Amino acid sequence: MKIARLVFNPIQENTYIIWDSTLEAAIIDAGESSERECEIIDKFIAERGLKPTLAINTHGHFDHIGAGGDLLGDAELFIHRDDAAMLGDP
């Protein structure tokens, strides 16, 4: 199993990507806040041939849910039910 930490947005939020030999990946707290940051994570995923299958938000604060649907693609999204409303209104 491999783990990468990428730091994004003005408050330096940590985004984690975890993958194994199947190249299926989980993206945890995708907090990108700009097009440039989304390009960085897109490039990271593409260069390694990763297939994001899970998107996990540890909570609903704006700095942890910044990535748009394009980045996460068909990945299944997980967030605690008490924070789910924040996905639409952080």
N, C-alpha and C. Protein backbone atom coordinates (compact mmCIF):
# COMPACT_ATOMS: atom_id res chain seq x y z
N MET A 1 0.85 -1.17 0.00
CA MET A 1 0.00 0.00 0.00
C MET A 1 0.89 1.24 0.00
N LYS A 2 0.46 2.23 -0.76
CA LYS A 2 1.21 3.48 -0.82
C LYS A 2 0.31 4.62 -0.36
N ILE A 3 0.94 5.62 0.25
CA ILE A 3 0.22 6.78 0.75
C ILE A 3 0.99 8.03 0.33
N ALA A 4 0.26 8.98 -0.23
CA ALA A 4 0.86 10.27 -0.59
C ALA A 4 0.08 11.37 0.11
N ARG A 5 0.82 12.39 0.54
CA ARG A 5 0.19 13.57 1.15
C ARG A 5 0.49 14.76 0.26
N LEU A 6 -0.56 15.44 -0.16
CA LEU A 6 -0.44 16.65 -0.96
C LEU A 6 -1.06 17.79 -0.15
N VAL A 7 -0.42 18.95 -0.16
CA VAL A 7 -0.88 20.08 0.65
C VAL A 7 -1.48 21.12 -0.28
N PHE A 8 -2.73 21.53 0.02
CA PHE A 8 -3.46 22.45 -0.84
C PHE A 8 -4.14 23.56 -0.06
N ASN A 9 -4.58 24.53 -0.77
CA ASN A 9 -5.38 25.70 -0.41
C ASN A 9 -4.64 26.63 0.55
N PRO A 10 -5.15 27.84 0.71
CA PRO A 10 -4.43 28.85 1.51
C PRO A 10 -4.16 28.47 2.96
N ILE A 11 -4.92 27.52 3.50
CA ILE A 11 -4.66 27.15 4.90
C ILE A 11 -3.90 25.83 5.02
N GLN A 12 -3.34 25.38 3.89
CA GLN A 12 -2.43 24.23 3.89
C GLN A 12 -3.08 22.95 4.38
N GLU A 13 -4.22 22.63 3.81
CA GLU A 13 -4.96 21.40 4.14
C GLU A 13 -4.26 20.20 3.51
N ASN A 14 -4.25 19.09 4.21
CA ASN A 14 -3.64 17.85 3.72
C ASN A 14 -4.67 17.01 2.98
N THR A 15 -4.33 16.64 1.75
CA THR A 15 -5.11 15.68 0.97
C THR A 15 -4.26 14.41 0.91
N TYR A 16 -4.89 13.28 1.18
CA TYR A 16 -4.18 12.01 1.14
C TYR A 16 -4.72 11.16 0.00
N ILE A 17 -3.81 10.46 -0.66
CA ILE A 17 -4.18 9.49 -1.68
C ILE A 17 -3.56 8.17 -1.27
N ILE A 18 -4.38 7.15 -1.21
CA ILE A 18 -3.94 5.82 -0.79
C ILE A 18 -4.28 4.85 -1.91
N TRP A 19 -3.29 4.00 -2.30
CA TRP A 19 -3.54 3.02 -3.35
C TRP A 19 -2.70 1.78 -3.13
N ASP A 20 -3.07 0.73 -3.85
CA ASP A 20 -2.33 -0.52 -3.76
C ASP A 20 -2.00 -1.02 -5.16
N SER A 21 -1.61 -2.27 -5.26
CA SER A 21 -1.16 -2.82 -6.54
C SER A 21 -2.27 -2.88 -7.59
N THR A 22 -3.53 -2.80 -7.18
CA THR A 22 -4.63 -2.79 -8.16
C THR A 22 -4.77 -1.41 -8.82
N LEU A 23 -4.10 -0.41 -8.26
CA LEU A 23 -4.14 0.98 -8.69
C LEU A 23 -5.48 1.66 -8.37
N GLU A 24 -6.37 0.95 -7.66
CA GLU A 24 -7.57 1.61 -7.16
C GLU A 24 -7.14 2.50 -6.00
N ALA A 25 -7.70 3.70 -5.96
CA ALA A 25 -7.24 4.67 -4.98
C ALA A 25 -8.39 5.28 -4.20
N ALA A 26 -8.07 5.67 -2.98
CA ALA A 26 -8.97 6.45 -2.14
C ALA A 26 -8.36 7.84 -2.00
N ILE A 27 -9.19 8.85 -2.18
CA ILE A 27 -8.75 10.23 -1.98
C ILE A 27 -9.44 10.75 -0.73
N ILE A 28 -8.64 11.17 0.22
CA ILE A 28 -9.17 11.61 1.51
C ILE A 28 -8.99 13.12 1.65
N ASP A 29 -10.10 13.79 1.92
CA ASP A 29 -10.11 15.25 2.12
C ASP A 29 -9.54 16.01 0.94
N ALA A 30 -10.16 15.85 -0.20
CA ALA A 30 -9.71 16.54 -1.42
C ALA A 30 -10.06 18.02 -1.31
N GLY A 31 -9.12 18.80 -0.79
CA GLY A 31 -9.39 20.19 -0.47
C GLY A 31 -8.86 21.20 -1.46
N GLU A 32 -8.73 20.84 -2.71
CA GLU A 32 -8.19 21.77 -3.70
C GLU A 32 -9.11 22.98 -3.83
N SER A 33 -8.50 24.16 -3.94
CA SER A 33 -9.31 25.38 -3.99
C SER A 33 -9.06 26.21 -5.25
N SER A 34 -8.29 25.68 -6.19
CA SER A 34 -8.02 26.43 -7.41
C SER A 34 -7.84 25.46 -8.57
N GLU A 35 -7.94 26.00 -9.77
CA GLU A 35 -7.73 25.18 -10.96
C GLU A 35 -6.32 24.60 -10.97
N ARG A 36 -5.33 25.40 -10.57
CA ARG A 36 -3.95 24.94 -10.53
C ARG A 36 -3.79 23.73 -9.60
N GLU A 37 -4.43 23.80 -8.43
CA GLU A 37 -4.34 22.69 -7.48
C GLU A 37 -5.02 21.44 -8.03
N CYS A 38 -6.16 21.62 -8.71
CA CYS A 38 -6.82 20.46 -9.32
C CYS A 38 -5.94 19.84 -10.40
N GLU A 39 -5.22 20.67 -11.15
CA GLU A 39 -4.30 20.15 -12.16
C GLU A 39 -3.18 19.34 -11.52
N ILE A 40 -2.70 19.78 -10.38
CA ILE A 40 -1.64 19.04 -9.68
C ILE A 40 -2.11 17.65 -9.29
N ILE A 41 -3.29 17.56 -8.70
CA ILE A 41 -3.77 16.24 -8.27
C ILE A 41 -4.16 15.39 -9.47
N ASP A 42 -4.73 16.00 -10.51
CA ASP A 42 -5.04 15.25 -11.74
C ASP A 42 -3.76 14.64 -12.32
N LYS A 43 -2.70 15.42 -12.37
CA LYS A 43 -1.42 14.94 -12.90
C LYS A 43 -0.86 13.81 -12.04
N PHE A 44 -0.95 13.95 -10.71
CA PHE A 44 -0.48 12.92 -9.80
C PHE A 44 -1.20 11.60 -10.08
N ILE A 45 -2.51 11.67 -10.22
CA ILE A 45 -3.31 10.46 -10.47
C ILE A 45 -2.98 9.87 -11.84
N ALA A 46 -2.91 10.71 -12.85
CA ALA A 46 -2.65 10.23 -14.21
C ALA A 46 -1.26 9.61 -14.35
N GLU A 47 -0.24 10.24 -13.77
CA GLU A 47 1.13 9.73 -13.89
C GLU A 47 1.29 8.34 -13.29
N ARG A 48 0.48 8.03 -12.32
CA ARG A 48 0.57 6.73 -11.66
C ARG A 48 -0.48 5.74 -12.16
N GLY A 49 -1.34 6.19 -13.05
CA GLY A 49 -2.39 5.32 -13.59
C GLY A 49 -3.42 4.92 -12.56
N LEU A 50 -3.66 5.78 -11.58
CA LEU A 50 -4.58 5.46 -10.49
C LEU A 50 -6.03 5.59 -10.93
N LYS A 51 -6.88 4.79 -10.30
CA LYS A 51 -8.32 4.82 -10.54
C LYS A 51 -9.02 5.16 -9.22
N PRO A 52 -9.36 6.42 -8.99
CA PRO A 52 -10.04 6.77 -7.74
C PRO A 52 -11.39 6.07 -7.65
N THR A 53 -11.56 5.26 -6.62
CA THR A 53 -12.83 4.56 -6.41
C THR A 53 -13.54 5.01 -5.15
N LEU A 54 -12.80 5.64 -4.24
CA LEU A 54 -13.40 6.16 -3.00
C LEU A 54 -12.97 7.59 -2.78
N ALA A 55 -13.90 8.42 -2.36
CA ALA A 55 -13.61 9.78 -1.92
C ALA A 55 -14.14 9.87 -0.49
N ILE A 56 -13.25 10.18 0.42
CA ILE A 56 -13.62 10.20 1.83
C ILE A 56 -13.37 11.61 2.38
N ASN A 57 -14.41 12.20 2.94
CA ASN A 57 -14.27 13.49 3.61
C ASN A 57 -14.38 13.23 5.11
N THR A 58 -13.33 13.56 5.85
CA THR A 58 -13.36 13.33 7.29
C THR A 58 -14.38 14.22 7.98
N HIS A 59 -14.66 15.37 7.37
CA HIS A 59 -15.72 16.27 7.84
C HIS A 59 -16.02 17.27 6.74
N GLY A 60 -17.00 18.13 6.94
CA GLY A 60 -17.51 18.96 5.87
C GLY A 60 -16.98 20.37 5.77
N HIS A 61 -15.91 20.70 6.47
CA HIS A 61 -15.37 22.06 6.37
C HIS A 61 -14.88 22.33 4.95
N PHE A 62 -14.98 23.61 4.54
CA PHE A 62 -14.67 23.99 3.16
C PHE A 62 -13.30 23.53 2.69
N ASP A 63 -12.33 23.51 3.59
CA ASP A 63 -10.97 23.15 3.18
C ASP A 63 -10.78 21.65 2.98
N HIS A 64 -11.79 20.86 3.29
CA HIS A 64 -11.69 19.41 3.11
C HIS A 64 -12.57 18.91 1.98
N ILE A 65 -13.40 19.77 1.40
CA ILE A 65 -14.34 19.32 0.37
C ILE A 65 -14.23 20.14 -0.90
N GLY A 66 -13.11 20.83 -1.10
CA GLY A 66 -12.99 21.77 -2.21
C GLY A 66 -12.97 21.17 -3.60
N ALA A 67 -12.56 19.94 -3.75
CA ALA A 67 -12.44 19.34 -5.08
C ALA A 67 -13.81 19.12 -5.70
N GLY A 68 -13.89 19.41 -6.98
CA GLY A 68 -15.14 19.23 -7.70
C GLY A 68 -15.33 17.80 -8.17
N GLY A 69 -16.49 17.54 -8.72
CA GLY A 69 -16.84 16.20 -9.19
C GLY A 69 -15.95 15.70 -10.31
N ASP A 70 -15.37 16.61 -11.11
CA ASP A 70 -14.49 16.18 -12.20
C ASP A 70 -13.29 15.42 -11.67
N LEU A 71 -12.74 15.89 -10.58
CA LEU A 71 -11.57 15.24 -9.99
C LEU A 71 -11.94 13.85 -9.47
N LEU A 72 -13.05 13.75 -8.79
CA LEU A 72 -13.42 12.49 -8.14
C LEU A 72 -14.08 11.51 -9.08
N GLY A 73 -14.57 11.98 -10.21
CA GLY A 73 -15.16 11.10 -11.21
C GLY A 73 -16.25 10.21 -10.64
N ASP A 74 -16.11 8.91 -10.84
CA ASP A 74 -17.11 7.96 -10.38
C ASP A 74 -16.82 7.42 -8.98
N ALA A 75 -15.87 8.03 -8.29
CA ALA A 75 -15.53 7.56 -6.95
C ALA A 75 -16.74 7.69 -6.02
N GLU A 76 -16.94 6.69 -5.21
CA GLU A 76 -18.03 6.72 -4.24
C GLU A 76 -17.64 7.64 -3.08
N LEU A 77 -18.52 8.57 -2.75
CA LEU A 77 -18.24 9.58 -1.74
C LEU A 77 -18.76 9.14 -0.37
N PHE A 78 -17.88 9.29 0.63
CA PHE A 78 -18.26 9.00 2.00
C PHE A 78 -18.02 10.24 2.87
N ILE A 79 -19.01 10.57 3.67
CA ILE A 79 -18.90 11.64 4.66
C ILE A 79 -19.90 11.31 5.76
N HIS A 80 -19.60 11.72 6.97
CA HIS A 80 -20.51 11.46 8.07
C HIS A 80 -21.86 12.12 7.80
N ARG A 81 -22.94 11.45 8.13
CA ARG A 81 -24.28 11.96 7.83
C ARG A 81 -24.53 13.34 8.46
N ASP A 82 -23.90 13.63 9.58
CA ASP A 82 -24.10 14.94 10.21
C ASP A 82 -23.42 16.07 9.45
N ASP A 83 -22.47 15.74 8.58
CA ASP A 83 -21.77 16.75 7.78
C ASP A 83 -22.19 16.75 6.32
N ALA A 84 -23.05 15.83 5.92
CA ALA A 84 -23.43 15.68 4.51
C ALA A 84 -24.01 16.97 3.92
N ALA A 85 -24.79 17.70 4.68
CA ALA A 85 -25.39 18.94 4.17
C ALA A 85 -24.33 19.97 3.81
N MET A 86 -23.17 19.88 4.45
CA MET A 86 -22.10 20.84 4.18
C MET A 86 -21.50 20.67 2.78
N LEU A 87 -21.73 19.55 2.15
CA LEU A 87 -21.22 19.36 0.80
C LEU A 87 -21.84 20.36 -0.18
N GLY A 88 -23.09 20.76 0.08
CA GLY A 88 -23.76 21.74 -0.75
C GLY A 88 -23.64 23.15 -0.24
N ASP A 89 -23.28 23.30 1.04
CA ASP A 89 -23.20 24.64 1.65
C ASP A 89 -22.16 24.63 2.76
N PRO A 90 -20.85 24.63 2.35
CA PRO A 90 -19.81 24.54 3.37
C PRO A 90 -19.74 25.76 4.25
